[in-house]
Amino acid sequence: APSDPQGLTALVLDRVNWSSALWTQFEYLCDALVLDPESG
């Protein structure tokens, strides 16, 4: 994922506006953004 506010915002908004999984499985399925400690 992008690691700047603008890029990360665009990614998140693209997902919530498009994903049928997040829409249907509200409050259950999620996208996870996780920091890789090795690569940063």
PDB file of all heavy atoms in Angstrom:
ATOM      1  N   ALA A   1       0.831  -1.199   0.000  1.00  0.00           N
ATOM      2  CA  ALA A   1       0.000   0.000   0.000  1.00  0.00           C
ATOM      3  C   ALA A   1       0.867   1.251   0.000  1.00  0.00           C
ATOM      4  O   ALA A   1       2.002   1.230   0.489  1.00  0.00           O
ATOM      5  CB  ALA A   1      -0.905   0.001   1.233  1.00  0.00           C
ATOM      6  N   PRO A   2       0.366   2.357  -0.534  1.00  0.00           N
ATOM      7  CA  PRO A   2       1.097   3.630  -0.425  1.00  0.00           C
ATOM      8  C   PRO A   2       1.304   3.993   1.039  1.00  0.00           C
ATOM      9  O   PRO A   2       0.490   3.649   1.908  1.00  0.00           O
ATOM     10  CB  PRO A   2       0.161   4.635  -1.109  1.00  0.00           C
ATOM     11  CG  PRO A   2      -0.757   3.819  -1.957  1.00  0.00           C
ATOM     12  CD  PRO A   2      -0.916   2.501  -1.252  1.00  0.00           C
ATOM     13  N   SER A   3       2.364   4.705   1.324  1.00  0.00           N
ATOM     14  CA  SER A   3       2.661   5.067   2.714  1.00  0.00           C
ATOM     15  C   SER A   3       2.596   6.566   2.947  1.00  0.00           C
ATOM     16  O   SER A   3       3.156   7.072   3.916  1.00  0.00           O
ATOM     17  CB  SER A   3       4.040   4.531   3.125  1.00  0.00           C
ATOM     18  OG  SER A   3       5.030   4.991   2.220  1.00  0.00           O
ATOM     19  N   ASP A   4       1.925   7.280   2.027  1.00  0.00           N
ATOM     20  CA  ASP A   4       1.694   8.703   2.244  1.00  0.00           C
ATOM     21  C   ASP A   4       0.201   8.924   2.416  1.00  0.00           C
ATOM     22  O   ASP A   4      -0.619   8.128   1.933  1.00  0.00           O
ATOM     23  CB  ASP A   4       2.218   9.515   1.063  1.00  0.00           C
ATOM     24  CG  ASP A   4       1.473   9.197  -0.214  1.00  0.00           C
ATOM     25  OD1 ASP A   4       1.765   8.135  -0.826  1.00  0.00           O
ATOM     26  OD2 ASP A   4       0.568   9.969  -0.596  1.00  0.00           O
ATOM     27  N   PRO A   5      -0.228   9.981   3.094  1.00  0.00           N
ATOM     28  CA  PRO A   5      -1.650  10.192   3.370  1.00  0.00           C
ATOM     29  C   PRO A   5      -2.517  10.241   2.124  1.00  0.00           C
ATOM     30  O   PRO A   5      -3.616   9.681   2.097  1.00  0.00           O
ATOM     31  CB  PRO A   5      -1.668  11.519   4.133  1.00  0.00           C
ATOM     32  CG  PRO A   5      -0.324  11.613   4.772  1.00  0.00           C
ATOM     33  CD  PRO A   5       0.620  10.981   3.793  1.00  0.00           C
ATOM     34  N   GLN A   6      -2.023  10.908   1.063  1.00  0.00           N
ATOM     35  CA  GLN A   6      -2.842  11.028  -0.135  1.00  0.00           C
ATOM     36  C   GLN A   6      -3.026   9.675  -0.816  1.00  0.00           C
ATOM     37  O   GLN A   6      -4.144   9.303  -1.209  1.00  0.00           O
ATOM     38  CB  GLN A   6      -2.209  12.034  -1.122  1.00  0.00           C
ATOM     39  CG  GLN A   6      -2.243  13.473  -0.657  1.00  0.00           C
ATOM     40  CD  GLN A   6      -1.122  13.808   0.327  1.00  0.00           C
ATOM     41  OE1 GLN A   6      -0.238  12.989   0.585  1.00  0.00           O
ATOM     42  NE2 GLN A   6      -1.169  15.014   0.876  1.00  0.00           N
ATOM     43  N   GLY A   7      -1.936   8.950  -0.975  1.00  0.00           N
ATOM     44  CA  GLY A   7      -2.021   7.657  -1.638  1.00  0.00           C
ATOM     45  C   GLY A   7      -2.834   6.655  -0.847  1.00  0.00           C
ATOM     46  O   GLY A   7      -3.621   5.876  -1.410  1.00  0.00           O
ATOM     47  N   LEU A   8      -2.646   6.655   0.483  1.00  0.00           N
ATOM     48  CA  LEU A   8      -3.377   5.719   1.327  1.00  0.00           C
ATOM     49  C   LEU A   8      -4.859   6.059   1.354  1.00  0.00           C
ATOM     50  O   LEU A   8      -5.719   5.168   1.321  1.00  0.00           O
ATOM     51  CB  LEU A   8      -2.795   5.753   2.738  1.00  0.00           C
ATOM     52  CG  LEU A   8      -3.037   4.525   3.622  1.00  0.00           C
ATOM     53  CD1 LEU A   8      -2.615   3.244   2.934  1.00  0.00           C
ATOM     54  CD2 LEU A   8      -2.290   4.688   4.951  1.00  0.00           C
ATOM     55  N   THR A   9      -5.166   7.342   1.359  1.00  0.00           N
ATOM     56  CA  THR A   9      -6.573   7.764   1.310  1.00  0.00           C
ATOM     57  C   THR A   9      -7.228   7.303   0.011  1.00  0.00           C
ATOM     58  O   THR A   9      -8.352   6.790   0.014  1.00  0.00           O
ATOM     59  CB  THR A   9      -6.671   9.288   1.443  1.00  0.00           C
ATOM     60  OG1 THR A   9      -6.247   9.668   2.753  1.00  0.00           O
ATOM     61  CG2 THR A   9      -8.101   9.773   1.215  1.00  0.00           C
ATOM     62  N   ALA A  10      -6.539   7.479  -1.111  1.00  0.00           N
ATOM     63  CA  ALA A  10      -7.091   7.058  -2.397  1.00  0.00           C
ATOM     64  C   ALA A  10      -7.342   5.554  -2.408  1.00  0.00           C
ATOM     65  O   ALA A  10      -8.383   5.078  -2.906  1.00  0.00           O
ATOM     66  CB  ALA A  10      -6.148   7.454  -3.525  1.00  0.00           C
ATOM     67  N   LEU A  11      -6.406   4.767  -1.851  1.00  0.00           N
ATOM     68  CA  LEU A  11      -6.573   3.313  -1.807  1.00  0.00           C
ATOM     69  C   LEU A  11      -7.794   2.934  -0.983  1.00  0.00           C
ATOM     70  O   LEU A  11      -8.626   2.121  -1.410  1.00  0.00           O
ATOM     71  CB  LEU A  11      -5.319   2.672  -1.208  1.00  0.00           C
ATOM     72  CG  LEU A  11      -5.437   1.183  -0.868  1.00  0.00           C
ATOM     73  CD1 LEU A  11      -5.564   0.345  -2.130  1.00  0.00           C
ATOM     74  CD2 LEU A  11      -4.251   0.720  -0.028  1.00  0.00           C
ATOM     75  N   VAL A  12      -7.912   3.510   0.202  1.00  0.00           N
ATOM     76  CA  VAL A  12      -9.013   3.153   1.096  1.00  0.00           C
ATOM     77  C   VAL A  12     -10.354   3.542   0.474  1.00  0.00           C
ATOM     78  O   VAL A  12     -11.314   2.750   0.498  1.00  0.00           O
ATOM     79  CB  VAL A  12      -8.823   3.822   2.472  1.00  0.00           C
ATOM     80  CG1 VAL A  12     -10.100   3.708   3.306  1.00  0.00           C
ATOM     81  CG2 VAL A  12      -7.643   3.205   3.204  1.00  0.00           C
ATOM     82  N   LEU A  13     -10.435   4.729  -0.100  1.00  0.00           N
ATOM     83  CA  LEU A  13     -11.701   5.151  -0.695  1.00  0.00           C
ATOM     84  C   LEU A  13     -12.046   4.323  -1.926  1.00  0.00           C
ATOM     85  O   LEU A  13     -13.224   4.041  -2.180  1.00  0.00           O
ATOM     86  CB  LEU A  13     -11.659   6.639  -1.028  1.00  0.00           C
ATOM     87  CG  LEU A  13     -11.577   7.583   0.169  1.00  0.00           C
ATOM     88  CD1 LEU A  13     -11.617   9.033  -0.287  1.00  0.00           C
ATOM     89  CD2 LEU A  13     -12.688   7.311   1.184  1.00  0.00           C
ATOM     90  N   ASP A  14     -11.039   3.915  -2.686  1.00  0.00           N
ATOM     91  CA  ASP A  14     -11.308   3.024  -3.813  1.00  0.00           C
ATOM     92  C   ASP A  14     -11.926   1.714  -3.326  1.00  0.00           C
ATOM     93  O   ASP A  14     -12.872   1.186  -3.917  1.00  0.00           O
ATOM     94  CB  ASP A  14     -10.021   2.730  -4.583  1.00  0.00           C
ATOM     95  CG  ASP A  14      -9.606   3.867  -5.498  1.00  0.00           C
ATOM     96  OD1 ASP A  14     -10.429   4.777  -5.724  1.00  0.00           O
ATOM     97  OD2 ASP A  14      -8.452   3.851  -5.983  1.00  0.00           O
ATOM     98  N   ARG A  15     -11.411   1.202  -2.248  1.00  0.00           N
ATOM     99  CA  ARG A  15     -11.903  -0.087  -1.727  1.00  0.00           C
ATOM    100  C   ARG A  15     -13.331   0.028  -1.194  1.00  0.00           C
ATOM    101  O   ARG A  15     -14.190  -0.797  -1.522  1.00  0.00           O
ATOM    102  CB  ARG A  15     -10.977  -0.590  -0.618  1.00  0.00           C
ATOM    103  CG  ARG A  15      -9.696  -1.213  -1.130  1.00  0.00           C
ATOM    104  CD  ARG A  15      -9.956  -2.538  -1.802  1.00  0.00           C
ATOM    105  NE  ARG A  15     -10.442  -3.541  -0.847  1.00  0.00           N
ATOM    106  CZ  ARG A  15     -11.015  -4.687  -1.200  1.00  0.00           C
ATOM    107  NH1 ARG A  15     -11.218  -4.971  -2.475  1.00  0.00           N
ATOM    108  NH2 ARG A  15     -11.415  -5.551  -0.285  1.00  0.00           N
ATOM    109  N   VAL A  16     -13.613   1.022  -0.371  1.00  0.00           N
ATOM    110  CA  VAL A  16     -14.949   1.093   0.228  1.00  0.00           C
ATOM    111  C   VAL A  16     -16.010   1.463  -0.801  1.00  0.00           C
ATOM    112  O   VAL A  16     -17.187   1.124  -0.636  1.00  0.00           O
ATOM    113  CB  VAL A  16     -14.988   2.058   1.430  1.00  0.00           C
ATOM    114  CG1 VAL A  16     -14.078   1.558   2.537  1.00  0.00           C
ATOM    115  CG2 VAL A  16     -14.631   3.482   1.018  1.00  0.00           C
ATOM    116  N   ASN A  17     -15.597   2.140  -1.867  1.00  0.00           N
ATOM    117  CA  ASN A  17     -16.555   2.490  -2.904  1.00  0.00           C
ATOM    118  C   ASN A  17     -16.795   1.354  -3.893  1.00  0.00           C
ATOM    119  O   ASN A  17     -17.756   1.420  -4.670  1.00  0.00           O
ATOM    120  CB  ASN A  17     -16.076   3.731  -3.674  1.00  0.00           C
ATOM    121  CG  ASN A  17     -16.407   5.021  -2.965  1.00  0.00           C
ATOM    122  OD1 ASN A  17     -17.533   5.503  -3.037  1.00  0.00           O
ATOM    123  ND2 ASN A  17     -15.437   5.583  -2.253  1.00  0.00           N
ATOM    124  N   TRP A  18     -15.974   0.326  -3.881  1.00  0.00           N
ATOM    125  CA  TRP A  18     -16.039  -0.714  -4.903  1.00  0.00           C
ATOM    126  C   TRP A  18     -16.316  -2.111  -4.349  1.00  0.00           C
ATOM    127  O   TRP A  18     -17.074  -2.887  -4.944  1.00  0.00           O
ATOM    128  CB  TRP A  18     -14.727  -0.722  -5.688  1.00  0.00           C
ATOM    129  CG  TRP A  18     -14.670  -1.727  -6.790  1.00  0.00           C
ATOM    130  CD1 TRP A  18     -15.280  -1.646  -8.006  1.00  0.00           C
ATOM    131  CD2 TRP A  18     -13.943  -2.965  -6.778  1.00  0.00           C
ATOM    132  NE1 TRP A  18     -14.989  -2.763  -8.763  1.00  0.00           N
ATOM    133  CE2 TRP A  18     -14.165  -3.586  -8.021  1.00  0.00           C
ATOM    134  CE3 TRP A  18     -13.135  -3.608  -5.837  1.00  0.00           C
ATOM    135  CZ2 TRP A  18     -13.605  -4.820  -8.366  1.00  0.00           C
ATOM    136  CZ3 TRP A  18     -12.571  -4.834  -6.176  1.00  0.00           C
ATOM    137  CH2 TRP A  18     -12.811  -5.429  -7.417  1.00  0.00           C
ATOM    138  N   SER A  19     -15.741  -2.434  -3.208  1.00  0.00           N
ATOM    139  CA  SER A  19     -15.785  -3.811  -2.712  1.00  0.00           C
ATOM    140  C   SER A  19     -17.198  -4.241  -2.326  1.00  0.00           C
ATOM    141  O   SER A  19     -17.867  -3.592  -1.522  1.00  0.00           O
ATOM    142  CB  SER A  19     -14.872  -3.956  -1.485  1.00  0.00           C
ATOM    143  OG  SER A  19     -15.100  -5.189  -0.836  1.00  0.00           O
ATOM    144  N   SER A  20     -17.651  -5.358  -2.878  1.00  0.00           N
ATOM    145  CA  SER A  20     -18.931  -5.922  -2.446  1.00  0.00           C
ATOM    146  C   SER A  20     -18.764  -6.749  -1.181  1.00  0.00           C
ATOM    147  O   SER A  20     -19.732  -6.945  -0.439  1.00  0.00           O
ATOM    148  CB  SER A  20     -19.551  -6.769  -3.562  1.00  0.00           C
ATOM    149  OG  SER A  20     -18.669  -7.792  -3.987  1.00  0.00           O
ATOM    150  N   ALA A  21     -17.548  -7.225  -0.908  1.00  0.00           N
ATOM    151  CA  ALA A  21     -17.308  -7.986   0.320  1.00  0.00           C
ATOM    152  C   ALA A  21     -17.455  -7.093   1.548  1.00  0.00           C
ATOM    153  O   ALA A  21     -18.134  -7.458   2.517  1.00  0.00           O
ATOM    154  CB  ALA A  21     -15.920  -8.620   0.294  1.00  0.00           C
ATOM    155  N   LEU A  22     -16.828  -5.929   1.524  1.00  0.00           N
ATOM    156  CA  LEU A  22     -16.939  -5.015   2.666  1.00  0.00           C
ATOM    157  C   LEU A  22     -18.368  -4.508   2.815  1.00  0.00           C
ATOM    158  O   LEU A  22     -18.839  -4.274   3.933  1.00  0.00           O
ATOM    159  CB  LEU A  22     -15.969  -3.843   2.494  1.00  0.00           C
ATOM    160  CG  LEU A  22     -14.474  -4.183   2.471  1.00  0.00           C
ATOM    161  CD1 LEU A  22     -13.646  -2.915   2.300  1.00  0.00           C
ATOM    162  CD2 LEU A  22     -14.046  -4.930   3.723  1.00  0.00           C
ATOM    163  N   TRP A  23     -19.058  -4.333   1.703  1.00  0.00           N
ATOM    164  CA  TRP A  23     -20.442  -3.854   1.731  1.00  0.00           C
ATOM    165  C   TRP A  23     -21.357  -4.883   2.383  1.00  0.00           C
ATOM    166  O   TRP A  23     -22.138  -4.570   3.282  1.00  0.00           O
ATOM    167  CB  TRP A  23     -20.898  -3.561   0.304  1.00  0.00           C
ATOM    168  CG  TRP A  23     -22.335  -3.213   0.152  1.00  0.00           C
ATOM    169  CD1 TRP A  23     -23.370  -4.090  -0.066  1.00  0.00           C
ATOM    170  CD2 TRP A  23     -22.926  -1.913   0.209  1.00  0.00           C
ATOM    171  NE1 TRP A  23     -24.570  -3.417  -0.151  1.00  0.00           N
ATOM    172  CE2 TRP A  23     -24.317  -2.079   0.008  1.00  0.00           C
ATOM    173  CE3 TRP A  23     -22.418  -0.638   0.391  1.00  0.00           C
ATOM    174  CZ2 TRP A  23     -25.195  -0.996  -0.011  1.00  0.00           C
ATOM    175  CZ3 TRP A  23     -23.294   0.432   0.370  1.00  0.00           C
ATOM    176  CH2 TRP A  23     -24.665   0.250   0.175  1.00  0.00           C
ATOM    177  N   THR A  24     -21.273  -6.110   1.930  1.00  0.00           N
ATOM    178  CA  THR A  24     -22.184  -7.151   2.423  1.00  0.00           C
ATOM    179  C   THR A  24     -21.802  -7.614   3.821  1.00  0.00           C
ATOM    180  O   THR A  24     -22.661  -7.806   4.683  1.00  0.00           O
ATOM    181  CB  THR A  24     -22.179  -8.357   1.463  1.00  0.00           C
ATOM    182  OG1 THR A  24     -22.537  -7.911   0.157  1.00  0.00           O
ATOM    183  CG2 THR A  24     -23.159  -9.410   1.921  1.00  0.00           C
ATOM    184  N   GLN A  25     -20.513  -7.777   4.062  1.00  0.00           N
ATOM    185  CA  GLN A  25     -20.036  -8.277   5.354  1.00  0.00           C
ATOM    186  C   GLN A  25     -19.592  -7.121   6.237  1.00  0.00           C
ATOM    187  O   GLN A  25     -18.523  -7.147   6.846  1.00  0.00           O
ATOM    188  CB  GLN A  25     -18.903  -9.287   5.126  1.00  0.00           C
ATOM    189  CG  GLN A  25     -19.373 -10.588   4.474  1.00  0.00           C
ATOM    190  CD  GLN A  25     -20.342 -11.346   5.360  1.00  0.00           C
ATOM    191  OE1 GLN A  25     -21.493 -10.948   5.533  1.00  0.00           O
ATOM    192  NE2 GLN A  25     -19.890 -12.442   5.944  1.00  0.00           N
ATOM    193  N   PHE A  26     -20.459  -6.116   6.312  1.00  0.00           N
ATOM    194  CA  PHE A  26     -20.181  -4.940   7.133  1.00  0.00           C
ATOM    195  C   PHE A  26     -19.959  -5.339   8.587  1.00  0.00           C
ATOM    196  O   PHE A  26     -20.567  -6.275   9.091  1.00  0.00           O
ATOM    197  CB  PHE A  26     -21.328  -3.930   7.017  1.00  0.00           C
ATOM    198  CG  PHE A  26     -22.680  -4.494   7.413  1.00  0.00           C
ATOM    199  CD1 PHE A  26     -23.097  -4.492   8.728  1.00  0.00           C
ATOM    200  CD2 PHE A  26     -23.517  -5.044   6.453  1.00  0.00           C
ATOM    201  CE1 PHE A  26     -24.326  -5.014   9.096  1.00  0.00           C
ATOM    202  CE2 PHE A  26     -24.753  -5.567   6.814  1.00  0.00           C
ATOM    203  CZ  PHE A  26     -25.160  -5.554   8.136  1.00  0.00           C
ATOM    204  N   GLU A  27     -19.048  -4.641   9.228  1.00  0.00           N
ATOM    205  CA  GLU A  27     -18.723  -4.857  10.647  1.00  0.00           C
ATOM    206  C   GLU A  27     -18.168  -6.253  10.916  1.00  0.00           C
ATOM    207  O   GLU A  27     -18.096  -6.688  12.070  1.00  0.00           O
ATOM    208  CB  GLU A  27     -19.930  -4.575  11.545  1.00  0.00           C
ATOM    209  CG  GLU A  27     -20.459  -3.162  11.398  1.00  0.00           C
ATOM    210  CD  GLU A  27     -21.607  -2.850  12.336  1.00  0.00           C
ATOM    211  OE1 GLU A  27     -21.772  -3.564  13.333  1.00  0.00           O
ATOM    212  OE2 GLU A  27     -22.333  -1.875  12.068  1.00  0.00           O
ATOM    213  N   TYR A  28     -17.752  -6.951   9.849  1.00  0.00           N
ATOM    214  CA  TYR A  28     -17.164  -8.286  10.041  1.00  0.00           C
ATOM    215  C   TYR A  28     -15.886  -8.432   9.217  1.00  0.00           C
ATOM    216  O   TYR A  28     -14.801  -8.568   9.771  1.00  0.00           O
ATOM    217  CB  TYR A  28     -18.183  -9.363   9.681  1.00  0.00           C
ATOM    218  CG  TYR A  28     -17.657 -10.763   9.884  1.00  0.00           C
ATOM    219  CD1 TYR A  28     -17.131 -11.146  11.116  1.00  0.00           C
ATOM    220  CD2 TYR A  28     -17.671 -11.696   8.853  1.00  0.00           C
ATOM    221  CE1 TYR A  28     -16.620 -12.425  11.307  1.00  0.00           C
ATOM    222  CE2 TYR A  28     -17.181 -12.980   9.042  1.00  0.00           C
ATOM    223  CZ  TYR A  28     -16.656 -13.331  10.264  1.00  0.00           C
ATOM    224  OH  TYR A  28     -16.160 -14.603  10.446  1.00  0.00           O
ATOM    225  N   LEU A  29     -15.993  -8.419   7.890  1.00  0.00           N
ATOM    226  CA  LEU A  29     -14.789  -8.464   7.071  1.00  0.00           C
ATOM    227  C   LEU A  29     -14.166  -7.074   6.989  1.00  0.00           C
ATOM    228  O   LEU A  29     -14.868  -6.069   6.987  1.00  0.00           O
ATOM    229  CB  LEU A  29     -15.112  -8.978   5.669  1.00  0.00           C
ATOM    230  CG  LEU A  29     -15.572 -10.439   5.552  1.00  0.00           C
ATOM    231  CD1 LEU A  29     -15.717 -10.827   4.087  1.00  0.00           C
ATOM    232  CD2 LEU A  29     -14.633 -11.400   6.277  1.00  0.00           C
ATOM    233  N   CYS A  30     -12.853  -7.060   6.901  1.00  0.00           N
ATOM    234  CA  CYS A  30     -12.132  -5.789   6.845  1.00  0.00           C
ATOM    235  C   CYS A  30     -10.951  -5.912   5.895  1.00  0.00           C
ATOM    236  O   CYS A  30     -10.515  -7.013   5.552  1.00  0.00           O
ATOM    237  CB  CYS A  30     -11.633  -5.387   8.236  1.00  0.00           C
ATOM    238  SG  CYS A  30     -10.203  -6.345   8.820  1.00  0.00           S
ATOM    239  N   ASP A  31     -10.434  -4.774   5.479  1.00  0.00           N
ATOM    240  CA  ASP A  31      -9.099  -4.709   4.910  1.00  0.00           C
ATOM    241  C   ASP A  31      -8.150  -4.379   6.052  1.00  0.00           C
ATOM    242  O   ASP A  31      -8.493  -3.587   6.950  1.00  0.00           O
ATOM    243  CB  ASP A  31      -9.012  -3.631   3.840  1.00  0.00           C
ATOM    244  CG  ASP A  31      -9.583  -4.086   2.508  1.00  0.00           C
ATOM    245  OD1 ASP A  31     -10.243  -5.141   2.467  1.00  0.00           O
ATOM    246  OD2 ASP A  31      -9.379  -3.369   1.506  1.00  0.00           O
ATOM    247  N   ALA A  32      -6.966  -4.969   6.011  1.00  0.00           N
ATOM    248  CA  ALA A  32      -5.969  -4.724   7.058  1.00  0.00           C
ATOM    249  C   ALA A  32      -4.737  -4.080   6.443  1.00  0.00           C
ATOM    250  O   ALA A  32      -4.213  -4.556   5.423  1.00  0.00           O
ATOM    251  CB  ALA A  32      -5.591  -6.031   7.756  1.00  0.00           C
ATOM    252  N   LEU A  33      -4.282  -3.000   7.052  1.00  0.00           N
ATOM    253  CA  LEU A  33      -3.050  -2.318   6.663  1.00  0.00           C
ATOM    254  C   LEU A  33      -2.035  -2.561   7.770  1.00  0.00           C
ATOM    255  O   LEU A  33      -2.238  -2.142   8.917  1.00  0.00           O
ATOM    256  CB  LEU A  33      -3.310  -0.826   6.479  1.00  0.00           C
ATOM    257  CG  LEU A  33      -4.308  -0.472   5.374  1.00  0.00           C
ATOM    258  CD1 LEU A  33      -4.772   0.971   5.502  1.00  0.00           C
ATOM    259  CD2 LEU A  33      -3.693  -0.715   4.007  1.00  0.00           C
ATOM    260  N   VAL A  34      -0.971  -3.267   7.419  1.00  0.00           N
ATOM    261  CA  VAL A  34      -0.012  -3.745   8.420  1.00  0.00           C
ATOM    262  C   VAL A  34       1.381  -3.300   8.022  1.00  0.00           C
ATOM    263  O   VAL A  34       1.791  -3.454   6.855  1.00  0.00           O
ATOM    264  CB  VAL A  34      -0.060  -5.293   8.522  1.00  0.00           C
ATOM    265  CG1 VAL A  34       0.893  -5.782   9.609  1.00  0.00           C
ATOM    266  CG2 VAL A  34      -1.481  -5.770   8.784  1.00  0.00           C
ATOM    267  N   LEU A  35       2.125  -2.765   8.973  1.00  0.00           N
ATOM    268  CA  LEU A  35       3.495  -2.331   8.698  1.00  0.00           C
ATOM    269  C   LEU A  35       4.432  -3.533   8.698  1.00  0.00           C
ATOM    270  O   LEU A  35       4.464  -4.311   9.656  1.00  0.00           O
ATOM    271  CB  LEU A  35       3.944  -1.318   9.750  1.00  0.00           C
ATOM    272  CG  LEU A  35       5.368  -0.761   9.565  1.00  0.00           C
ATOM    273  CD1 LEU A  35       5.452   0.062   8.286  1.00  0.00           C
ATOM    274  CD2 LEU A  35       5.768   0.090  10.778  1.00  0.00           C
ATOM    275  N   ASP A  36       5.170  -3.698   7.597  1.00  0.00           N
ATOM    276  CA  ASP A  36       6.211  -4.723   7.516  1.00  0.00           C
ATOM    277  C   ASP A  36       7.463  -4.172   8.189  1.00  0.00           C
ATOM    278  O   ASP A  36       8.085  -3.229   7.678  1.00  0.00           O
ATOM    279  CB  ASP A  36       6.494  -5.057   6.054  1.00  0.00           C
ATOM    280  CG  ASP A  36       7.534  -6.169   5.903  1.00  0.00           C
ATOM    281  OD1 ASP A  36       8.243  -6.474   6.874  1.00  0.00           O
ATOM    282  OD2 ASP A  36       7.632  -6.723   4.793  1.00  0.00           O
ATOM    283  N   PRO A  37       7.846  -4.717   9.348  1.00  0.00           N
ATOM    284  CA  PRO A  37       8.968  -4.120  10.095  1.00  0.00           C
ATOM    285  C   PRO A  37      10.293  -4.220   9.349  1.00  0.00           C
ATOM    286  O   PRO A  37      11.196  -3.404   9.581  1.00  0.00           O
ATOM    287  CB  PRO A  37       8.996  -4.923  11.402  1.00  0.00           C
ATOM    288  CG  PRO A  37       8.296  -6.209  11.078  1.00  0.00           C
ATOM    289  CD  PRO A  37       7.272  -5.886  10.048  1.00  0.00           C
ATOM    290  N   GLU A  38      10.444  -5.174   8.450  1.00  0.00           N
ATOM    291  CA  GLU A  38      11.712  -5.332   7.743  1.00  0.00           C
ATOM    292  C   GLU A  38      11.857  -4.311   6.614  1.00  0.00           C
ATOM    293  O   GLU A  38      12.902  -3.677   6.460  1.00  0.00           O
ATOM    294  CB  GLU A  38      11.835  -6.751   7.191  1.00  0.00           C
ATOM    295  CG  GLU A  38      11.907  -7.817   8.287  1.00  0.00           C
ATOM    296  CD  GLU A  38      12.116  -9.198   7.707  1.00  0.00           C
ATOM    297  OE1 GLU A  38      12.229  -9.332   6.463  1.00  0.00           O
ATOM    298  OE2 GLU A  38      12.164 -10.166   8.499  1.00  0.00           O
ATOM    299  N   SER A  39      10.802  -4.157   5.835  1.00  0.00           N
ATOM    300  CA  SER A  39      10.889  -3.248   4.689  1.00  0.00           C
ATOM    301  C   SER A  39      10.404  -1.840   5.013  1.00  0.00           C
ATOM    302  O   SER A  39      10.700  -0.896   4.278  1.00  0.00           O
ATOM    303  CB  SER A  39      10.071  -3.802   3.526  1.00  0.00           C
ATOM    304  OG  SER A  39       8.676  -3.775   3.836  1.00  0.00           O
ATOM    305  N   GLY A  40       9.647  -1.705   6.100  1.00  0.00           N
ATOM    306  CA  GLY A  40       9.071  -0.414   6.434  1.00  0.00           C
ATOM    307  C   GLY A  40       7.911  -0.022   5.536  1.00  0.00           C
ATOM    308  O   GLY A  40       7.477   1.132   5.542  1.00  0.00           O
TER     309      GLY A  40
END
